[in-house]
Amino acid sequence: MNISRQWNIAAVCALAAGALSAPSLVYSQANEQFIPVLVYRSGAYAPNGIPWANGFVDYLNLIN
């Protein structure tokens, strides 16, 4: 085996190791979960929907 072939194999191994470690960068993000508040804030149901939505948001902030 000549020297240039050994260097090529080493380079391929180094690139493969780098590529396998790249997805770990995705996991370093903040642990957050989006919870939508699907409520009525306008229209005929607004008098009941707005206070309920405000209470639900307060509850989510409390358990956070």
N, C-alpha and C. Protein backbone atom coordinates (compact mmCIF):
# COMPACT_ATOMS: atom_id res chain seq x y z
N MET A 1 0.86 -1.17 0.00
CA MET A 1 0.00 0.00 0.00
C MET A 1 0.90 1.23 0.00
N ASN A 2 0.65 2.12 -0.92
CA ASN A 2 1.51 3.30 -0.98
C ASN A 2 1.02 4.37 0.00
N ILE A 3 1.85 5.37 0.19
CA ILE A 3 1.60 6.42 1.19
C ILE A 3 0.36 7.25 0.84
N SER A 4 0.18 7.59 -0.42
CA SER A 4 -0.96 8.44 -0.78
C SER A 4 -2.29 7.73 -0.52
N ARG A 5 -2.33 6.42 -0.73
CA ARG A 5 -3.56 5.67 -0.45
C ARG A 5 -3.85 5.65 1.05
N GLN A 6 -2.83 5.54 1.87
CA GLN A 6 -3.02 5.56 3.31
C GLN A 6 -3.56 6.92 3.76
N TRP A 7 -3.06 7.99 3.17
CA TRP A 7 -3.54 9.33 3.51
C TRP A 7 -4.98 9.52 3.07
N ASN A 8 -5.33 8.95 1.93
CA ASN A 8 -6.73 9.04 1.47
C ASN A 8 -7.67 8.31 2.43
N ILE A 9 -7.24 7.14 2.88
CA ILE A 9 -8.08 6.39 3.82
C ILE A 9 -8.21 7.16 5.13
N ALA A 10 -7.14 7.76 5.59
CA ALA A 10 -7.17 8.54 6.83
C ALA A 10 -8.08 9.76 6.67
N ALA A 11 -8.04 10.39 5.50
CA ALA A 11 -8.87 11.56 5.26
C ALA A 11 -10.35 11.17 5.24
N VAL A 12 -10.67 10.05 4.61
CA VAL A 12 -12.05 9.58 4.56
C VAL A 12 -12.55 9.24 5.97
N CYS A 13 -11.72 8.62 6.77
CA CYS A 13 -12.10 8.29 8.16
C CYS A 13 -12.33 9.56 8.97
N ALA A 14 -11.49 10.56 8.79
CA ALA A 14 -11.65 11.81 9.52
C ALA A 14 -12.92 12.53 9.10
N LEU A 15 -13.25 12.53 7.82
CA LEU A 15 -14.48 13.15 7.35
C LEU A 15 -15.71 12.39 7.86
N ALA A 16 -15.63 11.08 7.91
CA ALA A 16 -16.75 10.29 8.42
C ALA A 16 -16.98 10.55 9.90
N ALA A 17 -15.89 10.66 10.65
CA ALA A 17 -16.02 10.95 12.08
C ALA A 17 -16.61 12.34 12.29
N GLY A 18 -16.21 13.31 11.49
CA GLY A 18 -16.78 14.65 11.58
C GLY A 18 -18.25 14.68 11.21
N ALA A 19 -18.61 13.92 10.20
CA ALA A 19 -20.01 13.89 9.77
C ALA A 19 -20.90 13.20 10.81
N LEU A 20 -20.36 12.20 11.48
CA LEU A 20 -21.15 11.51 12.50
C LEU A 20 -21.32 12.35 13.76
N SER A 21 -20.39 13.25 14.02
CA SER A 21 -20.50 14.08 15.22
C SER A 21 -21.31 15.34 14.97
N ALA A 22 -21.61 15.69 13.73
CA ALA A 22 -22.34 16.91 13.41
C ALA A 22 -23.78 16.90 13.93
N PRO A 23 -24.53 15.80 13.86
CA PRO A 23 -25.91 15.83 14.38
C PRO A 23 -26.00 16.13 15.87
N SER A 24 -24.93 15.94 16.60
CA SER A 24 -24.98 16.22 18.04
C SER A 24 -25.13 17.71 18.30
N LEU A 25 -24.84 18.54 17.32
CA LEU A 25 -25.01 19.98 17.49
C LEU A 25 -26.49 20.35 17.58
N VAL A 26 -27.35 19.56 16.98
CA VAL A 26 -28.78 19.84 17.01
C VAL A 26 -29.32 19.66 18.42
N TYR A 27 -28.78 18.73 19.16
CA TYR A 27 -29.26 18.44 20.50
C TYR A 27 -28.80 19.45 21.53
N SER A 28 -27.93 20.38 21.16
CA SER A 28 -27.44 21.36 22.11
C SER A 28 -28.37 22.58 22.21
N GLN A 29 -29.50 22.54 21.53
CA GLN A 29 -30.44 23.64 21.60
C GLN A 29 -31.22 23.59 22.91
N ALA A 30 -31.92 24.67 23.21
CA ALA A 30 -32.69 24.75 24.45
C ALA A 30 -33.84 23.75 24.45
N ASN A 31 -34.14 23.22 25.62
CA ASN A 31 -35.26 22.29 25.75
C ASN A 31 -36.54 23.08 25.90
N GLU A 32 -37.23 23.29 24.81
CA GLU A 32 -38.47 24.04 24.81
C GLU A 32 -39.53 23.25 24.08
N GLN A 33 -40.77 23.45 24.49
CA GLN A 33 -41.89 22.83 23.81
C GLN A 33 -42.95 23.89 23.58
N PHE A 34 -43.43 23.98 22.36
CA PHE A 34 -44.45 24.95 22.00
C PHE A 34 -45.82 24.35 22.25
N ILE A 35 -46.63 25.03 23.08
CA ILE A 35 -47.99 24.59 23.36
C ILE A 35 -48.93 25.69 22.86
N PRO A 36 -49.67 25.44 21.80
CA PRO A 36 -50.56 26.48 21.28
C PRO A 36 -51.79 26.66 22.17
N VAL A 37 -52.28 27.87 22.22
CA VAL A 37 -53.50 28.17 22.96
C VAL A 37 -54.57 28.46 21.91
N LEU A 38 -55.34 27.44 21.60
CA LEU A 38 -56.36 27.55 20.56
C LEU A 38 -57.67 27.97 21.21
N VAL A 39 -57.93 29.28 21.18
CA VAL A 39 -59.11 29.82 21.87
C VAL A 39 -59.81 30.84 20.98
N TYR A 40 -61.02 31.19 21.41
CA TYR A 40 -61.79 32.24 20.74
C TYR A 40 -61.51 33.56 21.43
N ARG A 41 -60.92 34.51 20.71
CA ARG A 41 -60.68 35.84 21.27
C ARG A 41 -61.49 36.90 20.53
N SER A 42 -62.28 36.48 19.57
CA SER A 42 -63.12 37.43 18.85
C SER A 42 -64.41 36.72 18.46
N GLY A 43 -65.40 37.50 18.12
CA GLY A 43 -66.67 36.93 17.69
C GLY A 43 -67.62 36.72 18.84
N ALA A 44 -68.58 35.87 18.62
CA ALA A 44 -69.64 35.66 19.59
C ALA A 44 -69.14 34.97 20.86
N TYR A 45 -68.07 34.20 20.78
CA TYR A 45 -67.58 33.46 21.94
C TYR A 45 -66.50 34.21 22.71
N ALA A 46 -66.18 35.42 22.32
CA ALA A 46 -65.13 36.19 22.96
C ALA A 46 -65.36 36.47 24.44
N PRO A 47 -66.58 36.78 24.90
CA PRO A 47 -66.76 37.04 26.33
C PRO A 47 -66.38 35.87 27.23
N ASN A 48 -66.49 34.66 26.73
CA ASN A 48 -66.09 33.50 27.51
C ASN A 48 -64.67 33.05 27.14
N GLY A 49 -64.24 33.25 25.91
CA GLY A 49 -62.96 32.75 25.45
C GLY A 49 -61.76 33.53 25.94
N ILE A 50 -61.89 34.85 26.06
CA ILE A 50 -60.75 35.67 26.48
C ILE A 50 -60.34 35.37 27.92
N PRO A 51 -61.25 35.37 28.89
CA PRO A 51 -60.82 35.05 30.26
C PRO A 51 -60.26 33.62 30.38
N TRP A 52 -60.85 32.68 29.66
CA TRP A 52 -60.37 31.31 29.71
C TRP A 52 -58.95 31.23 29.14
N ALA A 53 -58.69 31.93 28.03
CA ALA A 53 -57.37 31.92 27.42
C ALA A 53 -56.34 32.56 28.34
N ASN A 54 -56.71 33.67 28.98
CA ASN A 54 -55.78 34.31 29.91
C ASN A 54 -55.46 33.39 31.08
N GLY A 55 -56.46 32.69 31.58
CA GLY A 55 -56.24 31.75 32.67
C GLY A 55 -55.37 30.58 32.25
N PHE A 56 -55.57 30.10 31.03
CA PHE A 56 -54.75 28.99 30.54
C PHE A 56 -53.30 29.40 30.39
N VAL A 57 -53.05 30.60 29.90
CA VAL A 57 -51.68 31.11 29.77
C VAL A 57 -51.05 31.27 31.15
N ASP A 58 -51.83 31.78 32.11
CA ASP A 58 -51.32 31.89 33.48
C ASP A 58 -50.97 30.52 34.04
N TYR A 59 -51.80 29.53 33.78
CA TYR A 59 -51.53 28.16 34.25
C TYR A 59 -50.25 27.61 33.64
N LEU A 60 -50.05 27.82 32.33
CA LEU A 60 -48.83 27.34 31.69
C LEU A 60 -47.60 28.04 32.27
N ASN A 61 -47.70 29.33 32.58
CA ASN A 61 -46.58 30.03 33.21
C ASN A 61 -46.34 29.51 34.62
N LEU A 62 -47.39 29.11 35.32
CA LEU A 62 -47.25 28.60 36.68
C LEU A 62 -46.53 27.26 36.70
N ILE A 63 -46.90 26.37 35.79
CA ILE A 63 -46.26 25.05 35.79
C ILE A 63 -44.89 25.07 35.14
N ASN A 64 -44.55 26.15 34.50
CA ASN A 64 -43.21 26.27 33.93
C ASN A 64 -42.26 26.49 35.05
